[in-house]
Amino acid sequence: MNYINYYKQMRIILVYDLPVVEDEDRKIYHKFNNDIKRMGFIMLQFSVYTKVIQNDTSYKQNLLKLNKIIPKKGSIIVLKVTEKQFQDMKYLTGVKNRQEALVGGRELVIFGGDS
């Protein structure tokens, strides 16, 4: 593994909250969701997506593309983190003995509740 690239590589985390009350709202929601998938974003959780980027130039290019497709209603949050920071993310769940997907090849800490 090339550790220099490992620390320089970054991720965009995209969090959005769009209304889905009216039929038109749902169409806009689905169009935005499909657009970000075409841009290379993958889902972490509902309305939380991520994408690997190589540098600040790529980050700025993605922001420009996102600005062109943002809906008029709702809110969108964009966060840039290093790959190292992303890999330090932990998934916490209340379900015992549940197998979770690995994030960046690290084992996850799972807190179990009574079930």
PDB file of N, CA and C in Angstrom:
ATOM      1  N   MET A   1       0.843  -1.185   0.000  1.00  0.00           N
ATOM      2  CA  MET A   1       0.000   0.000   0.000  1.00  0.00           C
ATOM      3  C   MET A   1       0.883   1.242   0.000  1.00  0.00           C
ATOM      4  N   ASN A   2       0.534   2.184  -0.824  1.00  0.00           N
ATOM      5  CA  ASN A   2       1.281   3.428  -0.887  1.00  0.00           C
ATOM      6  C   ASN A   2       0.724   4.393   0.157  1.00  0.00           C
ATOM      7  N   TYR A   3       1.442   4.554   1.275  1.00  0.00           N
ATOM      8  CA  TYR A   3       0.941   5.357   2.385  1.00  0.00           C
ATOM      9  C   TYR A   3       0.861   6.837   2.058  1.00  0.00           C
ATOM     10  N   ILE A   4       1.660   7.309   1.108  1.00  0.00           N
ATOM     11  CA  ILE A   4       1.591   8.717   0.731  1.00  0.00           C
ATOM     12  C   ILE A   4       0.226   9.007   0.130  1.00  0.00           C
ATOM     13  N   ASN A   5      -0.242   8.182  -0.796  1.00  0.00           N
ATOM     14  CA  ASN A   5      -1.564   8.379  -1.394  1.00  0.00           C
ATOM     15  C   ASN A   5      -2.673   8.154  -0.372  1.00  0.00           C
ATOM     16  N   TYR A   6      -2.455   7.220   0.549  1.00  0.00           N
ATOM     17  CA  TYR A   6      -3.429   6.897   1.581  1.00  0.00           C
ATOM     18  C   TYR A   6      -3.767   8.133   2.400  1.00  0.00           C
ATOM     19  N   TYR A   7      -2.774   8.942   2.722  1.00  0.00           N
ATOM     20  CA  TYR A   7      -3.016  10.121   3.537  1.00  0.00           C
ATOM     21  C   TYR A   7      -3.454  11.320   2.703  1.00  0.00           C
ATOM     22  N   LYS A   8      -3.147  11.346   1.427  1.00  0.00           N
ATOM     23  CA  LYS A   8      -3.547  12.464   0.585  1.00  0.00           C
ATOM     24  C   LYS A   8      -4.950  12.272   0.017  1.00  0.00           C
ATOM     25  N   GLN A   9      -5.350  11.024  -0.147  1.00  0.00           N
ATOM     26  CA  GLN A   9      -6.670  10.752  -0.695  1.00  0.00           C
ATOM     27  C   GLN A   9      -7.745  11.262   0.264  1.00  0.00           C
ATOM     28  N   MET A  10      -8.829  11.746  -0.281  1.00  0.00           N
ATOM     29  CA  MET A  10      -9.887  12.326   0.534  1.00  0.00           C
ATOM     30  C   MET A  10     -11.237  11.729   0.155  1.00  0.00           C
ATOM     31  N   ARG A  11     -12.223  12.072   0.930  1.00  0.00           N
ATOM     32  CA  ARG A  11     -13.600  11.677   0.648  1.00  0.00           C
ATOM     33  C   ARG A  11     -14.493  12.892   0.789  1.00  0.00           C
ATOM     34  N   ILE A  12     -15.517  12.887  -0.023  1.00  0.00           N
ATOM     35  CA  ILE A  12     -16.607  13.831   0.149  1.00  0.00           C
ATOM     36  C   ILE A  12     -17.724  13.055   0.833  1.00  0.00           C
ATOM     37  N   ILE A  13     -18.270  13.634   1.881  1.00  0.00           N
ATOM     38  CA  ILE A  13     -19.469  13.071   2.500  1.00  0.00           C
ATOM     39  C   ILE A  13     -20.594  14.054   2.207  1.00  0.00           C
ATOM     40  N   LEU A  14     -21.648  13.544   1.597  1.00  0.00           N
ATOM     41  CA  LEU A  14     -22.784  14.351   1.183  1.00  0.00           C
ATOM     42  C   LEU A  14     -24.003  13.924   1.990  1.00  0.00           C
ATOM     43  N   VAL A  15     -24.596  14.864   2.705  1.00  0.00           N
ATOM     44  CA  VAL A  15     -25.777  14.604   3.526  1.00  0.00           C
ATOM     45  C   VAL A  15     -26.879  15.509   3.004  1.00  0.00           C
ATOM     46  N   TYR A  16     -28.046  14.941   2.720  1.00  0.00           N
ATOM     47  CA  TYR A  16     -29.113  15.795   2.213  1.00  0.00           C
ATOM     48  C   TYR A  16     -30.458  15.451   2.824  1.00  0.00           C
ATOM     49  N   ASP A  17     -31.300  16.460   2.873  1.00  0.00           N
ATOM     50  CA  ASP A  17     -32.655  16.334   3.386  1.00  0.00           C
ATOM     51  C   ASP A  17     -33.558  17.086   2.422  1.00  0.00           C
ATOM     52  N   LEU A  18     -34.286  16.339   1.606  1.00  0.00           N
ATOM     53  CA  LEU A  18     -35.158  16.944   0.610  1.00  0.00           C
ATOM     54  C   LEU A  18     -36.605  16.564   0.902  1.00  0.00           C
ATOM     55  N   PRO A  19     -37.541  17.488   0.655  1.00  0.00           N
ATOM     56  CA  PRO A  19     -38.942  17.167   0.909  1.00  0.00           C
ATOM     57  C   PRO A  19     -39.459  16.130  -0.088  1.00  0.00           C
ATOM     58  N   VAL A  20     -40.384  15.296   0.369  1.00  0.00           N
ATOM     59  CA  VAL A  20     -41.004  14.294  -0.505  1.00  0.00           C
ATOM     60  C   VAL A  20     -42.523  14.252  -0.285  1.00  0.00           C
ATOM     61  N   VAL A  21     -43.102  15.407   0.035  1.00  0.00           N
ATOM     62  CA  VAL A  21     -44.532  15.490   0.331  1.00  0.00           C
ATOM     63  C   VAL A  21     -45.364  15.421  -0.949  1.00  0.00           C
ATOM     64  N   GLU A  22     -45.059  16.254  -1.892  1.00  0.00           N
ATOM     65  CA  GLU A  22     -45.805  16.322  -3.153  1.00  0.00           C
ATOM     66  C   GLU A  22     -45.180  15.398  -4.188  1.00  0.00           C
ATOM     67  N   ASP A  23     -45.980  15.034  -5.209  1.00  0.00           N
ATOM     68  CA  ASP A  23     -45.465  14.193  -6.299  1.00  0.00           C
ATOM     69  C   ASP A  23     -44.252  14.840  -6.963  1.00  0.00           C
ATOM     70  N   GLU A  24     -44.309  16.148  -7.174  1.00  0.00           N
ATOM     71  CA  GLU A  24     -43.196  16.871  -7.801  1.00  0.00           C
ATOM     72  C   GLU A  24     -41.947  16.807  -6.921  1.00  0.00           C
ATOM     73  N   ASP A  25     -42.129  16.890  -5.596  1.00  0.00           N
ATOM     74  CA  ASP A  25     -41.007  16.779  -4.663  1.00  0.00           C
ATOM     75  C   ASP A  25     -40.321  15.425  -4.818  1.00  0.00           C
ATOM     76  N   ARG A  26     -41.121  14.365  -4.913  1.00  0.00           N
ATOM     77  CA  ARG A  26     -40.556  13.013  -5.046  1.00  0.00           C
ATOM     78  C   ARG A  26     -39.779  12.867  -6.349  1.00  0.00           C
ATOM     79  N   LYS A  27     -40.271  13.464  -7.426  1.00  0.00           N
ATOM     80  CA  LYS A  27     -39.549  13.432  -8.708  1.00  0.00           C
ATOM     81  C   LYS A  27     -38.201  14.139  -8.587  1.00  0.00           C
ATOM     82  N   ILE A  28     -38.209  15.291  -7.932  1.00  0.00           N
ATOM     83  CA  ILE A  28     -36.969  16.063  -7.740  1.00  0.00           C
ATOM     84  C   ILE A  28     -35.994  15.279  -6.868  1.00  0.00           C
ATOM     85  N   TYR A  29     -36.517  14.663  -5.805  1.00  0.00           N
ATOM     86  CA  TYR A  29     -35.691  13.838  -4.913  1.00  0.00           C
ATOM     87  C   TYR A  29     -35.020  12.715  -5.698  1.00  0.00           C
ATOM     88  N   HIS A  30     -35.792  11.966  -6.475  1.00  0.00           N
ATOM     89  CA  HIS A  30     -35.242  10.836  -7.227  1.00  0.00           C
ATOM     90  C   HIS A  30     -34.250  11.293  -8.294  1.00  0.00           C
ATOM     91  N   LYS A  31     -34.522  12.429  -8.921  1.00  0.00           N
ATOM     92  CA  LYS A  31     -33.587  12.946  -9.928  1.00  0.00           C
ATOM     93  C   LYS A  31     -32.256  13.309  -9.261  1.00  0.00           C
ATOM     94  N   PHE A  32     -32.309  14.017  -8.130  1.00  0.00           N
ATOM     95  CA  PHE A  32     -31.085  14.383  -7.424  1.00  0.00           C
ATOM     96  C   PHE A  32     -30.323  13.132  -6.990  1.00  0.00           C
ATOM     97  N   ASN A  33     -31.033  12.167  -6.431  1.00  0.00           N
ATOM     98  CA  ASN A  33     -30.417  10.925  -5.989  1.00  0.00           C
ATOM     99  C   ASN A  33     -29.738  10.201  -7.153  1.00  0.00           C
ATOM    100  N   ASN A  34     -30.390  10.121  -8.284  1.00  0.00           N
ATOM    101  CA  ASN A  34     -29.793   9.484  -9.465  1.00  0.00           C
ATOM    102  C   ASN A  34     -28.595  10.282  -9.982  1.00  0.00           C
ATOM    103  N   ASP A  35     -28.697  11.610  -9.946  1.00  0.00           N
ATOM    104  CA  ASP A  35     -27.584  12.460 -10.406  1.00  0.00           C
ATOM    105  C   ASP A  35     -26.325  12.248  -9.561  1.00  0.00           C
ATOM    106  N   ILE A  36     -26.470  12.190  -8.235  1.00  0.00           N
ATOM    107  CA  ILE A  36     -25.273  12.015  -7.405  1.00  0.00           C
ATOM    108  C   ILE A  36     -24.687  10.613  -7.590  1.00  0.00           C
ATOM    109  N   LYS A  37     -25.531   9.622  -7.840  1.00  0.00           N
ATOM    110  CA  LYS A  37     -25.017   8.272  -8.120  1.00  0.00           C
ATOM    111  C   LYS A  37     -24.232   8.263  -9.419  1.00  0.00           C
ATOM    112  N   ARG A  38     -24.725   8.981 -10.430  1.00  0.00           N
ATOM    113  CA  ARG A  38     -23.992   9.077 -11.698  1.00  0.00           C
ATOM    114  C   ARG A  38     -22.656   9.794 -11.519  1.00  0.00           C
ATOM    115  N   MET A  39     -22.572  10.684 -10.529  1.00  0.00           N
ATOM    116  CA  MET A  39     -21.318  11.386 -10.231  1.00  0.00           C
ATOM    117  C   MET A  39     -20.326  10.485  -9.497  1.00  0.00           C
ATOM    118  N   GLY A  40     -20.774   9.299  -9.062  1.00  0.00           N
ATOM    119  CA  GLY A  40     -19.870   8.365  -8.405  1.00  0.00           C
ATOM    120  C   GLY A  40     -20.051   8.264  -6.899  1.00  0.00           C
ATOM    121  N   PHE A  41     -21.080   8.900  -6.354  1.00  0.00           N
ATOM    122  CA  PHE A  41     -21.345   8.794  -4.925  1.00  0.00           C
ATOM    123  C   PHE A  41     -21.990   7.444  -4.621  1.00  0.00           C
ATOM    124  N   ILE A  42     -21.625   6.874  -3.467  1.00  0.00           N
ATOM    125  CA  ILE A  42     -22.235   5.626  -3.017  1.00  0.00           C
ATOM    126  C   ILE A  42     -22.881   5.857  -1.654  1.00  0.00           C
ATOM    127  N   MET A  43     -23.947   5.108  -1.380  1.00  0.00           N
ATOM    128  CA  MET A  43     -24.721   5.325  -0.169  1.00  0.00           C
ATOM    129  C   MET A  43     -24.048   4.718   1.054  1.00  0.00           C
ATOM    130  N   LEU A  44     -23.940   5.516   2.122  1.00  0.00           N
ATOM    131  CA  LEU A  44     -23.528   5.027   3.439  1.00  0.00           C
ATOM    132  C   LEU A  44     -24.767   4.675   4.251  1.00  0.00           C
ATOM    133  N   GLN A  45     -25.736   5.578   4.236  1.00  0.00           N
ATOM    134  CA  GLN A  45     -27.034   5.424   4.882  1.00  0.00           C
ATOM    135  C   GLN A  45     -28.023   6.202   4.031  1.00  0.00           C
ATOM    136  N   PHE A  46     -29.307   6.093   4.338  1.00  0.00           N
ATOM    137  CA  PHE A  46     -30.287   6.876   3.599  1.00  0.00           C
ATOM    138  C   PHE A  46     -29.908   8.353   3.655  1.00  0.00           C
ATOM    139  N   SER A  47     -29.845   8.973   2.513  1.00  0.00           N
ATOM    140  CA  SER A  47     -29.528  10.399   2.361  1.00  0.00           C
ATOM    141  C   SER A  47     -28.134  10.778   2.845  1.00  0.00           C
ATOM    142  N   VAL A  48     -27.237   9.799   2.965  1.00  0.00           N
ATOM    143  CA  VAL A  48     -25.830  10.048   3.294  1.00  0.00           C
ATOM    144  C   VAL A  48     -24.992   9.279   2.275  1.00  0.00           C
ATOM    145  N   TYR A  49     -24.241  10.007   1.476  1.00  0.00           N
ATOM    146  CA  TYR A  49     -23.453   9.406   0.402  1.00  0.00           C
ATOM    147  C   TYR A  49     -22.003   9.828   0.521  1.00  0.00           C
ATOM    148  N   THR A  50     -21.114   9.049  -0.077  1.00  0.00           N
ATOM    149  CA  THR A  50     -19.690   9.365  -0.048  1.00  0.00           C
ATOM    150  C   THR A  50     -19.054   9.091  -1.406  1.00  0.00           C
ATOM    151  N   LYS A  51     -17.946   9.754  -1.635  1.00  0.00           N
ATOM    152  CA  LYS A  51     -17.191   9.578  -2.877  1.00  0.00           C
ATOM    153  C   LYS A  51     -15.714   9.806  -2.586  1.00  0.00           C
ATOM    154  N   VAL A  52     -14.858   8.947  -3.130  1.00  0.00           N
ATOM    155  CA  VAL A  52     -13.409   9.109  -3.004  1.00  0.00           C
ATOM    156  C   VAL A  52     -12.957  10.140  -4.033  1.00  0.00           C
ATOM    157  N   ILE A  53     -12.120  11.072  -3.573  1.00  0.00           N
ATOM    158  CA  ILE A  53     -11.529  12.055  -4.478  1.00  0.00           C
ATOM    159  C   ILE A  53     -10.024  12.071  -4.242  1.00  0.00           C
ATOM    160  N   GLN A  54      -9.278  12.574  -5.207  1.00  0.00           N
ATOM    161  CA  GLN A  54      -7.823  12.526  -5.129  1.00  0.00           C
ATOM    162  C   GLN A  54      -7.180  13.778  -4.555  1.00  0.00           C
ATOM    163  N   ASN A  55      -7.850  14.931  -4.736  1.00  0.00           N
ATOM    164  CA  ASN A  55      -7.207  16.179  -4.325  1.00  0.00           C
ATOM    165  C   ASN A  55      -8.233  17.308  -4.226  1.00  0.00           C
ATOM    166  N   ASP A  56      -7.763  18.500  -3.854  1.00  0.00           N
ATOM    167  CA  ASP A  56      -8.648  19.660  -3.719  1.00  0.00           C
ATOM    168  C   ASP A  56      -9.255  20.091  -5.051  1.00  0.00           C
ATOM    169  N   THR A  57      -8.521  19.905  -6.128  1.00  0.00           N
ATOM    170  CA  THR A  57      -9.052  20.247  -7.448  1.00  0.00           C
ATOM    171  C   THR A  57     -10.284  19.411  -7.754  1.00  0.00           C
ATOM    172  N   SER A  58     -10.203  18.120  -7.473  1.00  0.00           N
ATOM    173  CA  SER A  58     -11.342  17.225  -7.669  1.00  0.00           C
ATOM    174  C   SER A  58     -12.506  17.619  -6.762  1.00  0.00           C
ATOM    175  N   TYR A  59     -12.196  18.022  -5.532  1.00  0.00           N
ATOM    176  CA  TYR A  59     -13.227  18.475  -4.596  1.00  0.00           C
ATOM    177  C   TYR A  59     -13.962  19.684  -5.165  1.00  0.00           C
ATOM    178  N   LYS A  60     -13.222  20.657  -5.655  1.00  0.00           N
ATOM    179  CA  LYS A  60     -13.824  21.871  -6.216  1.00  0.00           C
ATOM    180  C   LYS A  60     -14.656  21.557  -7.451  1.00  0.00           C
ATOM    181  N   GLN A  61     -14.187  20.631  -8.290  1.00  0.00           N
ATOM    182  CA  GLN A  61     -14.945  20.228  -9.476  1.00  0.00           C
ATOM    183  C   GLN A  61     -16.269  19.573  -9.077  1.00  0.00           C
ATOM    184  N   ASN A  62     -16.225  18.733  -8.052  1.00  0.00           N
ATOM    185  CA  ASN A  62     -17.446  18.094  -7.575  1.00  0.00           C
ATOM    186  C   ASN A  62     -18.415  19.112  -6.984  1.00  0.00           C
ATOM    187  N   LEU A  63     -17.904  20.100  -6.264  1.00  0.00           N
ATOM    188  CA  LEU A  63     -18.773  21.154  -5.728  1.00  0.00           C
ATOM    189  C   LEU A  63     -19.468  21.929  -6.844  1.00  0.00           C
ATOM    190  N   LEU A  64     -18.728  22.212  -7.914  1.00  0.00           N
ATOM    191  CA  LEU A  64     -19.334  22.908  -9.060  1.00  0.00           C
ATOM    192  C   LEU A  64     -20.457  22.074  -9.667  1.00  0.00           C
ATOM    193  N   LYS A  65     -20.210  20.773  -9.836  1.00  0.00           N
ATOM    194  CA  LYS A  65     -21.239  19.883 -10.390  1.00  0.00           C
ATOM    195  C   LYS A  65     -22.450  19.810  -9.467  1.00  0.00           C
ATOM    196  N   LEU A  66     -22.205  19.716  -8.154  1.00  0.00           N
ATOM    197  CA  LEU A  66     -23.312  19.655  -7.195  1.00  0.00           C
ATOM    198  C   LEU A  66     -24.127  20.940  -7.217  1.00  0.00           C
ATOM    199  N   ASN A  67     -23.461  22.084  -7.344  1.00  0.00           N
ATOM    200  CA  ASN A  67     -24.176  23.362  -7.398  1.00  0.00           C
ATOM    201  C   ASN A  67     -25.109  23.445  -8.596  1.00  0.00           C
ATOM    202  N   LYS A  68     -24.791  22.722  -9.660  1.00  0.00           N
ATOM    203  CA  LYS A  68     -25.635  22.731 -10.854  1.00  0.00           C
ATOM    204  C   LYS A  68     -26.875  21.861 -10.703  1.00  0.00           C
ATOM    205  N   ILE A  69     -26.856  20.912  -9.773  1.00  0.00           N
ATOM    206  CA  ILE A  69     -27.976  19.976  -9.663  1.00  0.00           C
ATOM    207  C   ILE A  69     -28.767  20.112  -8.358  1.00  0.00           C
ATOM    208  N   ILE A  70     -28.398  21.044  -7.486  1.00  0.00           N
ATOM    209  CA  ILE A  70     -29.091  21.121  -6.193  1.00  0.00           C
ATOM    210  C   ILE A  70     -30.535  21.585  -6.395  1.00  0.00           C
ATOM    211  N   PRO A  71     -31.451  20.911  -5.715  1.00  0.00           N
ATOM    212  CA  PRO A  71     -32.863  21.315  -5.786  1.00  0.00           C
ATOM    213  C   PRO A  71     -33.089  22.638  -5.048  1.00  0.00           C
ATOM    214  N   LYS A  72     -34.195  23.300  -5.360  1.00  0.00           N
ATOM    215  CA  LYS A  72     -34.504  24.586  -4.727  1.00  0.00           C
ATOM    216  C   LYS A  72     -34.963  24.412  -3.288  1.00  0.00           C
ATOM    217  N   LYS A  73     -35.587  23.281  -2.987  1.00  0.00           N
ATOM    218  CA  LYS A  73     -36.061  23.016  -1.630  1.00  0.00           C
ATOM    219  C   LYS A  73     -35.130  22.026  -0.944  1.00  0.00           C
ATOM    220  N   GLY A  74     -35.107  22.079   0.385  1.00  0.00           N
ATOM    221  CA  GLY A  74     -34.311  21.126   1.147  1.00  0.00           C
ATOM    222  C   GLY A  74     -32.948  21.677   1.502  1.00  0.00           C
ATOM    223  N   SER A  75     -32.139  20.809   2.099  1.00  0.00           N
ATOM    224  CA  SER A  75     -30.784  21.219   2.483  1.00  0.00           C
ATOM    225  C   SER A  75     -29.788  20.127   2.133  1.00  0.00           C
ATOM    226  N   ILE A  76     -28.589  20.570   1.781  1.00  0.00           N
ATOM    227  CA  ILE A  76     -27.499  19.667   1.405  1.00  0.00           C
ATOM    228  C   ILE A  76     -26.254  20.110   2.158  1.00  0.00           C
ATOM    229  N   ILE A  77     -25.576  19.150   2.757  1.00  0.00           N
ATOM    230  CA  ILE A  77     -24.328  19.418   3.473  1.00  0.00           C
ATOM    231  C   ILE A  77     -23.225  18.630   2.779  1.00  0.00           C
ATOM    232  N   VAL A  78     -22.097  19.284   2.514  1.00  0.00           N
ATOM    233  CA  VAL A  78     -20.942  18.636   1.903  1.00  0.00           C
ATOM    234  C   VAL A  78     -19.773  18.774   2.874  1.00  0.00           C
ATOM    235  N   LEU A  79     -19.144  17.637   3.168  1.00  0.00           N
ATOM    236  CA  LEU A  79     -18.025  17.617   4.099  1.00  0.00           C
ATOM    237  C   LEU A  79     -16.855  16.908   3.431  1.00  0.00           C
ATOM    238  N   LYS A  80     -15.672  17.502   3.511  1.00  0.00           N
ATOM    239  CA  LYS A  80     -14.465  16.890   2.963  1.00  0.00           C
ATOM    240  C   LYS A  80     -13.642  16.353   4.123  1.00  0.00           C
ATOM    241  N   VAL A  81     -13.290  15.068   4.067  1.00  0.00           N
ATOM    242  CA  VAL A  81     -12.460  14.456   5.108  1.00  0.00           C
ATOM    243  C   VAL A  81     -11.339  13.672   4.442  1.00  0.00           C
ATOM    244  N   THR A  82     -10.254  13.455   5.184  1.00  0.00           N
ATOM    245  CA  THR A  82      -9.174  12.628   4.654  1.00  0.00           C
ATOM    246  C   THR A  82      -9.608  11.163   4.694  1.00  0.00           C
ATOM    247  N   GLU A  83      -8.955  10.347   3.913  1.00  0.00           N
ATOM    248  CA  GLU A  83      -9.253   8.911   3.927  1.00  0.00           C
ATOM    249  C   GLU A  83      -8.984   8.329   5.311  1.00  0.00           C
ATOM    250  N   LYS A  84      -7.957   8.814   5.975  1.00  0.00           N
ATOM    251  CA  LYS A  84      -7.645   8.359   7.336  1.00  0.00           C
ATOM    252  C   LYS A  84      -8.789   8.688   8.292  1.00  0.00           C
ATOM    253  N   GLN A  85      -9.307   9.902   8.218  1.00  0.00           N
ATOM    254  CA  GLN A  85     -10.440  10.280   9.066  1.00  0.00           C
ATOM    255  C   GLN A  85     -11.664   9.418   8.763  1.00  0.00           C
ATOM    256  N   PHE A  86     -11.896   9.165   7.493  1.00  0.00           N
ATOM    257  CA  PHE A  86     -13.038   8.340   7.090  1.00  0.00           C
ATOM    258  C   PHE A  86     -12.896   6.925   7.645  1.00  0.00           C
ATOM    259  N   GLN A  87     -11.690   6.375   7.599  1.00  0.00           N
ATOM    260  CA  GLN A  87     -11.479   5.019   8.085  1.00  0.00           C
ATOM    261  C   GLN A  87     -11.599   4.924   9.600  1.00  0.00           C
ATOM    262  N   ASP A  88     -11.464   6.037  10.290  1.00  0.00           N
ATOM    263  CA  ASP A  88     -11.634   6.041  11.743  1.00  0.00           C
ATOM    264  C   ASP A  88     -13.107   6.106  12.152  1.00  0.00           C
ATOM    265  N   MET A  89     -14.009   6.212  11.169  1.00  0.00           N
ATOM    266  CA  MET A  89     -15.436   6.264  11.459  1.00  0.00           C
ATOM    267  C   MET A  89     -15.888   4.927  12.053  1.00  0.00           C
ATOM    268  N   LYS A  90     -16.769   4.996  13.030  1.00  0.00           N
ATOM    269  CA  LYS A  90     -17.301   3.796  13.681  1.00  0.00           C
ATOM    270  C   LYS A  90     -18.800   3.714  13.463  1.00  0.00           C
ATOM    271  N   TYR A  91     -19.286   2.525  13.205  1.00  0.00           N
ATOM    272  CA  TYR A  91     -20.718   2.269  13.138  1.00  0.00           C
ATOM    273  C   TYR A  91     -21.150   1.705  14.480  1.00  0.00           C
ATOM    274  N   LEU A  92     -22.122   2.327  15.082  1.00  0.00           N
ATOM    275  CA  LEU A  92     -22.640   1.857  16.354  1.00  0.00           C
ATOM    276  C   LEU A  92     -24.072   1.382  16.130  1.00  0.00           C
ATOM    277  N   THR A  93     -24.387   0.220  16.663  1.00  0.00           N
ATOM    278  CA  THR A  93     -25.735  -0.313  16.496  1.00  0.00           C
ATOM    279  C   THR A  93     -26.169  -1.005  17.779  1.00  0.00           C
ATOM    280  N   GLY A  94     -27.443  -1.027  18.024  1.00  0.00           N
ATOM    281  CA  GLY A  94     -27.963  -1.656  19.222  1.00  0.00           C
ATOM    282  C   GLY A  94     -28.282  -3.122  19.051  1.00  0.00           C
ATOM    283  N   VAL A  95     -28.024  -3.690  17.889  1.00  0.00           N
ATOM    284  CA  VAL A  95     -28.359  -5.089  17.613  1.00  0.00           C
ATOM    285  C   VAL A  95     -27.157  -5.971  17.919  1.00  0.00           C
ATOM    286  N   LYS A  96     -27.330  -6.966  18.817  1.00  0.00           N
ATOM    287  CA  LYS A  96     -26.239  -7.888  19.155  1.00  0.00           C
ATOM    288  C   LYS A  96     -25.975  -8.850  18.001  1.00  0.00           C
ATOM    289  N   ASN A  97     -24.716  -9.248  17.871  1.00  0.00           N
ATOM    290  CA  ASN A  97     -24.292 -10.271  16.919  1.00  0.00           C
ATOM    291  C   ASN A  97     -24.634  -9.935  15.481  1.00  0.00           C
ATOM    292  N   ARG A  98     -24.765  -8.686  15.182  1.00  0.00           N
ATOM    293  CA  ARG A  98     -25.061  -8.280  13.811  1.00  0.00           C
ATOM    294  C   ARG A  98     -23.745  -8.056  13.073  1.00  0.00           C
ATOM    295  N   GLN A  99     -23.609  -8.655  11.926  1.00  0.00           N
ATOM    296  CA  GLN A  99     -22.405  -8.471  11.120  1.00  0.00           C
ATOM    297  C   GLN A  99     -22.520  -7.147  10.388  1.00  0.00           C
ATOM    298  N   GLU A 100     -21.522  -6.279  10.519  1.00  0.00           N
ATOM    299  CA  GLU A 100     -21.515  -4.983   9.865  1.00  0.00           C
ATOM    300  C   GLU A 100     -20.468  -4.989   8.749  1.00  0.00           C
ATOM    301  N   ALA A 101     -20.704  -4.172   7.736  1.00  0.00           N
ATOM    302  CA  ALA A 101     -19.742  -4.030   6.651  1.00  0.00           C
ATOM    303  C   ALA A 101     -18.504  -3.316   7.174  1.00  0.00           C
ATOM    304  N   LEU A 102     -17.363  -3.670   6.651  1.00  0.00           N
ATOM    305  CA  LEU A 102     -16.128  -3.006   7.053  1.00  0.00           C
ATOM    306  C   LEU A 102     -16.011  -1.670   6.355  1.00  0.00           C
ATOM    307  N   VAL A 103     -15.494  -0.691   7.052  1.00  0.00           N
ATOM    308  CA  VAL A 103     -15.229   0.628   6.488  1.00  0.00           C
ATOM    309  C   VAL A 103     -13.734   0.752   6.331  1.00  0.00           C
ATOM    310  N   GLY A 104     -13.272   0.813   5.101  1.00  0.00           N
ATOM    311  CA  GLY A 104     -11.850   1.007   4.858  1.00  0.00           C
ATOM    312  C   GLY A 104     -10.971  -0.098   5.396  1.00  0.00           C
ATOM    313  N   GLY A 105     -11.503  -1.312   5.538  1.00  0.00           N
ATOM    314  CA  GLY A 105     -10.694  -2.438   5.956  1.00  0.00           C
ATOM    315  C   GLY A 105     -10.446  -2.528   7.442  1.00  0.00           C
ATOM    316  N   ARG A 106     -11.071  -1.707   8.257  1.00  0.00           N
ATOM    317  CA  ARG A 106     -10.887  -1.758   9.705  1.00  0.00           C
ATOM    318  C   ARG A 106     -12.096  -2.423  10.332  1.00  0.00           C
ATOM    319  N   GLU A 107     -11.866  -3.097  11.446  1.00  0.00           N
ATOM    320  CA  GLU A 107     -12.993  -3.686  12.149  1.00  0.00           C
ATOM    321  C   GLU A 107     -13.780  -2.605  12.844  1.00  0.00           C
ATOM    322  N   LEU A 108     -15.067  -2.838  12.996  1.00  0.00           N
ATOM    323  CA  LEU A 108     -15.948  -1.844  13.573  1.00  0.00           C
ATOM    324  C   LEU A 108     -16.274  -2.186  15.013  1.00  0.00           C
ATOM    325  N   VAL A 109     -16.483  -1.175  15.821  1.00  0.00           N
ATOM    326  CA  VAL A 109     -16.898  -1.364  17.192  1.00  0.00           C
ATOM    327  C   VAL A 109     -18.430  -1.400  17.190  1.00  0.00           C
ATOM    328  N   ILE A 110     -18.994  -2.466  17.747  1.00  0.00           N
ATOM    329  CA  ILE A 110     -20.442  -2.611  17.765  1.00  0.00           C
ATOM    330  C   ILE A 110     -20.893  -2.742  19.205  1.00  0.00           C
ATOM    331  N   PHE A 111     -21.773  -1.864  19.633  1.00  0.00           N
ATOM    332  CA  PHE A 111     -22.345  -1.945  20.961  1.00  0.00           C
ATOM    333  C   PHE A 111     -23.659  -2.678  20.839  1.00  0.00           C
ATOM    334  N   GLY A 112     -23.818  -3.750  21.589  1.00  0.00           N
ATOM    335  CA  GLY A 112     -25.040  -4.525  21.516  1.00  0.00           C
ATOM    336  C   GLY A 112     -25.993  -4.169  22.632  1.00  0.00           C
ATOM    337  N   GLY A 113     -27.268  -4.243  22.316  1.00  0.00           N
ATOM    338  CA  GLY A 113     -28.308  -4.056  23.325  1.00  0.00           C
ATOM    339  C   GLY A 113     -28.939  -5.398  23.648  1.00  0.00           C
ATOM    340  N   ASP A 114     -29.841  -5.429  24.584  1.00  0.00           N
ATOM    341  CA  ASP A 114     -30.551  -6.676  24.902  1.00  0.00           C
ATOM    342  C   ASP A 114     -31.519  -6.994  23.781  1.00  0.00           C
ATOM    343  N   SER A 115     -31.497  -8.226  23.304  1.00  0.00           N
ATOM    344  CA  SER A 115     -32.452  -8.623  22.268  1.00  0.00           C
ATOM    345  C   SER A 115     -32.878 -10.050  22.438  1.00  0.00           C
TER     346      SER A 115
END
